[in-house]
Amino acid sequence: MDVWREKLTVRIGCVDSSDRLNLWSIFDFFQEAATSHAAVLGVGREEMTNAGQAWVLSRFSLFVKRRPFYGETIEVSTWPRRCEKLFAYRDYEIKDAEGAVLVSGRGAWLLLDKEKRRPLRPQTLVETLPANEGLDAFPAAPSGLEVRENLTKIMQRNALYSDLDYYGHANNARYIQWIQDATDIDILTNADQFRLDINYLNEVLPGDLIEIWAAPLDGGADNDYYPSPPGPAFFYEGKKAGSDKVMFRAELHTGLYGA
């Protein structure tokens, strides 16, 4: 069980009007696989709850080479990687029925003291997990995104019941839904490739009013270790309304057919 693998069929609720898998569903697939694997490895939700701890996603980088279609059979896989300072890394892949890699990703997780809401050093815990040295889905660790200026407020929304997870805050995949909702529908629907980098900076609690700000980007992603699709690209920042508190930052690069 060094690597967790599961076969899935792309369901109707996971596709957009192009009949292809959307970004939010990719994050949903990945978190379900990671949760199952952590439980098998003895560092799952039950063990963490008993210890007063929790795994919290801090950063994620994702590259979508091809979006699978509705009804297509895919294999979702995930595995732990190394630990660096406060971050424990986990890699992710989606392959098609022939074994071709469609999606690659790497997440940086924090081990959190649930009562104090402060990060703990995860080295002792991670030492018990398979190292999977040399098994790299993504070529580098997710890094911090630089602050951008001249942003435009696109939308705002409250964190409501459907946004919340077991820990009582907005689920990491919901942030991706908000980014999708702040992006032109035609751009997302027509794009075949995506490069997404996101930093989760503060937890969003029930009732929080979040403002989504955005600006177009020129050129490639700040991290050039994975290709940036040649289509429209955007920077996003989520802020708590009435304050300067930044909840997340993200960059999305898209690739269009024929580009």
Protein backbone atom coordinates (compact mmCIF):
# COMPACT_ATOMS: atom_id res chain seq x y z
CA MET A 1 0.00 0.00 0.00
CA ASP A 2 2.93 2.38 -0.66
CA VAL A 3 0.78 3.74 -3.51
CA TRP A 4 -3.01 3.92 -3.36
CA ARG A 5 -4.84 3.17 -6.62
CA GLU A 6 -8.53 3.09 -7.42
CA LYS A 7 -10.50 2.76 -10.66
CA LEU A 8 -13.28 5.27 -11.24
CA THR A 9 -15.75 6.15 -13.95
CA VAL A 10 -16.22 9.85 -14.72
CA ARG A 11 -19.76 10.56 -13.51
CA ILE A 12 -22.31 12.97 -14.94
CA GLY A 13 -21.99 15.33 -11.96
CA CYS A 14 -18.25 15.72 -12.58
CA VAL A 15 -18.35 17.15 -16.11
CA ASP A 16 -19.21 20.51 -17.67
CA SER A 17 -21.07 21.17 -20.93
CA SER A 18 -18.04 19.98 -22.92
CA ASP A 19 -18.69 16.51 -21.40
CA ARG A 20 -15.24 16.56 -19.76
CA LEU A 21 -14.03 16.39 -16.18
CA ASN A 22 -13.93 19.76 -14.40
CA LEU A 23 -11.21 21.06 -12.08
CA TRP A 24 -13.24 20.89 -8.89
CA SER A 25 -13.95 17.19 -9.40
CA ILE A 26 -10.24 16.46 -9.84
CA PHE A 27 -9.57 17.90 -6.38
CA ASP A 28 -12.52 15.93 -5.02
CA PHE A 29 -11.13 12.67 -6.47
CA PHE A 30 -7.70 13.41 -5.03
CA GLN A 31 -8.89 14.20 -1.51
CA GLU A 32 -11.04 11.06 -1.40
CA ALA A 33 -8.08 8.90 -2.49
CA ALA A 34 -5.71 10.59 -0.03
CA THR A 35 -8.19 10.13 2.83
CA SER A 36 -8.52 6.41 2.06
CA HIS A 37 -4.76 5.95 1.81
CA ALA A 38 -4.06 7.83 5.06
CA ALA A 39 -6.51 5.55 6.88
CA VAL A 40 -4.74 2.44 5.58
CA LEU A 41 -1.35 3.87 6.62
CA GLY A 42 -2.57 4.60 10.15
CA VAL A 43 -2.55 8.39 9.86
CA GLY A 44 -6.18 8.86 8.87
CA ARG A 45 -9.01 10.91 10.28
CA GLU A 46 -9.71 8.65 13.27
CA GLU A 47 -6.08 8.48 14.39
CA MET A 48 -5.59 12.21 13.94
CA THR A 49 -8.80 13.04 15.83
CA ASN A 50 -7.73 10.86 18.77
CA ALA A 51 -4.40 12.69 18.85
CA GLY A 52 -6.03 16.12 18.65
CA GLN A 53 -4.42 16.70 15.26
CA ALA A 54 -5.48 17.16 11.65
CA TRP A 55 -3.95 17.20 8.18
CA VAL A 56 -4.59 20.53 6.45
CA LEU A 57 -3.78 21.22 2.80
CA SER A 58 -1.51 24.28 2.50
CA ARG A 59 -0.41 24.35 -1.16
CA PHE A 60 -1.19 22.44 -4.33
CA SER A 61 0.17 22.40 -7.88
CA LEU A 62 -1.68 20.62 -10.67
CA PHE A 63 -1.16 20.01 -14.38
CA VAL A 64 -3.98 18.65 -16.54
CA LYS A 65 -2.65 17.28 -19.81
CA ARG A 66 -6.04 16.01 -21.00
CA ARG A 67 -9.49 16.15 -19.44
CA PRO A 68 -11.19 12.73 -19.42
CA PHE A 69 -14.71 12.48 -20.81
CA TYR A 70 -17.97 11.44 -19.19
CA GLY A 71 -18.11 7.66 -18.86
CA GLU A 72 -14.36 7.23 -19.29
CA THR A 73 -12.63 4.81 -16.92
CA ILE A 74 -9.69 6.36 -15.09
CA GLU A 75 -7.24 5.31 -12.40
CA VAL A 76 -6.66 7.75 -9.53
CA SER A 77 -3.46 7.18 -7.55
CA THR A 78 -1.71 8.92 -4.67
CA TRP A 79 1.30 8.36 -2.44
CA PRO A 80 3.23 10.17 0.32
CA ARG A 81 6.59 11.72 -0.48
CA ARG A 82 9.24 13.40 1.62
CA CYS A 83 8.91 15.86 4.46
CA GLU A 84 10.49 19.33 4.41
CA LYS A 85 10.36 21.63 7.44
CA LEU A 86 6.63 21.95 8.27
CA PHE A 87 5.39 20.44 5.00
CA ALA A 88 4.56 16.80 4.30
CA TYR A 89 4.22 16.17 0.55
CA ARG A 90 1.83 13.87 -1.28
CA ASP A 91 1.72 13.19 -5.02
CA TYR A 92 -1.30 12.44 -7.21
CA GLU A 93 -1.99 11.12 -10.71
CA ILE A 94 -4.89 10.28 -12.97
CA LYS A 95 -4.29 7.83 -15.82
CA ASP A 96 -6.53 6.66 -18.64
CA ALA A 97 -7.39 3.04 -19.42
CA GLU A 98 -4.19 2.65 -21.47
CA GLY A 99 -1.99 3.94 -18.64
CA ALA A 100 -1.27 7.38 -20.08
CA VAL A 101 -0.95 10.12 -17.44
CA LEU A 102 -3.75 12.67 -17.78
CA VAL A 103 -3.30 14.67 -14.56
CA SER A 104 -0.30 15.19 -12.27
CA GLY A 105 -0.27 16.96 -8.92
CA ARG A 106 1.57 17.52 -5.66
CA GLY A 107 0.15 18.82 -2.40
CA ALA A 108 1.96 20.25 0.63
CA TRP A 109 0.20 19.34 3.86
CA LEU A 110 0.51 20.77 7.36
CA LEU A 111 0.00 18.78 10.55
CA LEU A 112 -2.21 20.97 12.73
CA ASP A 113 -2.88 21.06 16.46
CA LYS A 114 -6.68 21.25 16.32
CA GLU A 115 -7.15 23.03 19.64
CA LYS A 116 -4.43 25.65 19.18
CA ARG A 117 -4.90 25.87 15.38
CA ARG A 118 -1.11 25.89 15.02
CA PRO A 119 1.15 23.73 12.81
CA LEU A 120 3.26 20.92 14.26
CA ARG A 121 6.45 19.42 12.88
CA PRO A 122 5.37 16.25 11.01
CA GLN A 123 8.77 14.51 10.79
CA THR A 124 8.12 11.87 13.45
CA LEU A 125 4.78 10.94 11.93
CA VAL A 126 6.03 10.96 8.34
CA GLU A 127 9.00 8.71 9.23
CA THR A 128 6.50 5.86 9.61
CA LEU A 129 5.19 6.31 6.05
CA PRO A 130 6.64 4.93 2.79
CA ALA A 131 9.20 7.37 1.33
CA ASN A 132 8.52 6.49 -2.33
CA GLU A 133 11.87 7.97 -3.33
CA GLY A 134 12.12 8.64 -7.05
CA LEU A 135 8.39 8.23 -7.61
CA ASP A 136 7.55 11.77 -8.68
CA ALA A 137 4.21 12.76 -10.16
CA PHE A 138 5.21 16.42 -10.07
CA PRO A 139 8.79 17.66 -10.49
CA ALA A 140 8.93 20.22 -7.66
CA ALA A 141 7.26 21.21 -4.43
CA PRO A 142 4.45 23.79 -4.56
CA SER A 143 5.76 27.21 -3.60
CA GLY A 144 4.30 30.49 -2.41
CA LEU A 145 2.62 32.73 -4.98
CA GLU A 146 3.70 36.36 -5.22
CA VAL A 147 1.35 39.19 -4.35
CA ARG A 148 -0.27 40.84 -7.38
CA GLU A 149 -1.64 44.35 -7.79
CA ASN A 150 -4.44 45.92 -9.84
CA LEU A 151 -6.97 43.21 -9.01
CA THR A 152 -10.66 43.51 -9.83
CA LYS A 153 -13.39 42.25 -7.52
CA ILE A 154 -15.27 39.55 -9.44
CA MET A 155 -17.71 38.17 -6.90
CA GLN A 156 -18.39 37.52 -3.25
CA ARG A 157 -20.08 34.72 -1.38
CA ASN A 158 -20.65 33.41 2.11
CA ALA A 159 -19.25 30.11 3.34
CA LEU A 160 -22.44 28.10 3.73
CA TYR A 161 -23.38 24.58 4.82
CA SER A 162 -22.48 22.92 1.52
CA ASP A 163 -18.96 24.42 1.64
CA LEU A 164 -18.03 22.92 5.01
CA ASP A 165 -16.24 19.67 5.75
CA TYR A 166 -15.72 17.41 8.77
CA TYR A 167 -13.48 19.99 10.44
CA GLY A 168 -16.11 22.72 10.21
CA HIS A 169 -14.32 24.92 7.70
CA ALA A 170 -14.51 25.32 3.92
CA ASN A 171 -13.28 22.20 2.14
CA ASN A 172 -10.19 22.61 -0.06
CA ALA A 173 -12.11 21.56 -3.18
CA ARG A 174 -14.67 24.34 -2.60
CA TYR A 175 -11.98 26.96 -3.18
CA ILE A 176 -11.57 25.49 -6.66
CA GLN A 177 -15.30 25.83 -7.25
CA TRP A 178 -15.09 29.50 -6.29
CA ILE A 179 -12.21 30.00 -8.74
CA GLN A 180 -14.22 28.29 -11.47
CA ASP A 181 -17.23 30.52 -10.72
CA ALA A 182 -15.02 33.62 -10.97
CA THR A 183 -13.76 32.60 -14.43
CA ASP A 184 -15.37 33.04 -17.85
CA ILE A 185 -17.52 30.00 -18.60
CA ASP A 186 -16.36 29.72 -22.23
CA ILE A 187 -12.68 29.73 -21.24
CA LEU A 188 -13.17 26.85 -18.80
CA THR A 189 -15.47 24.87 -21.08
CA ASN A 190 -13.21 25.12 -24.15
CA ALA A 191 -9.90 24.53 -22.37
CA ASP A 192 -8.40 21.08 -22.67
CA GLN A 193 -5.34 21.71 -20.46
CA PHE A 194 -4.93 23.44 -17.11
CA ARG A 195 -2.08 24.45 -14.85
CA LEU A 196 -3.30 25.45 -11.38
CA ASP A 197 -1.28 26.57 -8.37
CA ILE A 198 -3.07 27.46 -5.14
CA ASN A 199 -1.93 28.56 -1.66
CA TYR A 200 -4.42 28.01 1.18
CA LEU A 201 -3.50 30.79 3.60
CA ASN A 202 -6.31 30.93 6.18
CA GLU A 203 -9.27 28.75 7.01
CA VAL A 204 -12.70 29.92 5.92
CA LEU A 205 -15.27 29.47 8.70
CA PRO A 206 -19.07 29.23 8.55
CA GLY A 207 -20.68 32.51 7.56
CA ASP A 208 -17.45 34.18 6.43
CA LEU A 209 -18.06 36.50 3.49
CA ILE A 210 -15.30 35.96 0.95
CA GLU A 211 -14.48 38.37 -1.86
CA ILE A 212 -12.83 36.91 -4.97
CA TRP A 213 -10.46 39.29 -6.73
CA ALA A 214 -8.72 38.51 -10.04
CA ALA A 215 -6.44 39.84 -12.77
CA PRO A 216 -5.25 38.47 -16.13
CA LEU A 217 -1.71 37.12 -16.36
CA ASP A 218 0.82 37.35 -19.17
CA GLY A 219 3.44 34.71 -19.90
CA GLY A 220 4.15 31.46 -18.08
CA ALA A 221 3.61 30.49 -14.49
CA ASP A 222 6.09 31.68 -11.87
CA ASN A 223 7.15 28.06 -11.42
CA ASP A 224 8.37 26.97 -14.84
CA TYR A 225 9.14 23.35 -13.93
CA TYR A 226 5.92 22.29 -15.62
CA PRO A 227 4.71 23.73 -18.94
CA SER A 228 2.11 26.48 -18.87
CA PRO A 229 -0.70 26.01 -21.41
CA PRO A 230 -0.75 28.79 -24.02
CA GLY A 231 -4.30 30.05 -23.43
CA PRO A 232 -5.73 32.72 -21.11
CA ALA A 233 -4.28 32.87 -17.58
CA PHE A 234 -5.47 34.51 -14.37
CA PHE A 235 -4.41 35.33 -10.83
CA TYR A 236 -6.97 35.06 -7.99
CA GLU A 237 -7.05 36.25 -4.43
CA GLY A 238 -9.74 35.47 -1.89
CA LYS A 239 -10.14 37.98 0.94
CA LYS A 240 -12.35 38.10 3.99
CA ALA A 241 -14.78 40.96 3.40
CA GLY A 242 -14.14 44.09 5.44
CA SER A 243 -10.51 43.21 6.11
CA ASP A 244 -7.14 42.71 4.44
CA LYS A 245 -7.03 39.05 5.52
CA VAL A 246 -6.12 36.91 2.51
CA MET A 247 -7.66 33.43 2.57
CA PHE A 248 -6.06 32.05 -0.61
CA ARG A 249 -4.06 32.94 -3.71
CA ALA A 250 -4.11 31.00 -6.97
CA GLU A 251 -2.93 31.07 -10.58
CA LEU A 252 -4.78 29.33 -13.40
CA HIS A 253 -3.33 28.81 -16.89
CA THR A 254 -5.50 27.30 -19.62
CA GLY A 255 -4.81 25.64 -22.95
CA LEU A 256 -7.22 25.84 -25.87
CA TYR A 257 -7.74 23.40 -28.71
CA GLY A 258 -5.52 24.35 -31.63
CA ALA A 259 -3.37 26.74 -29.56
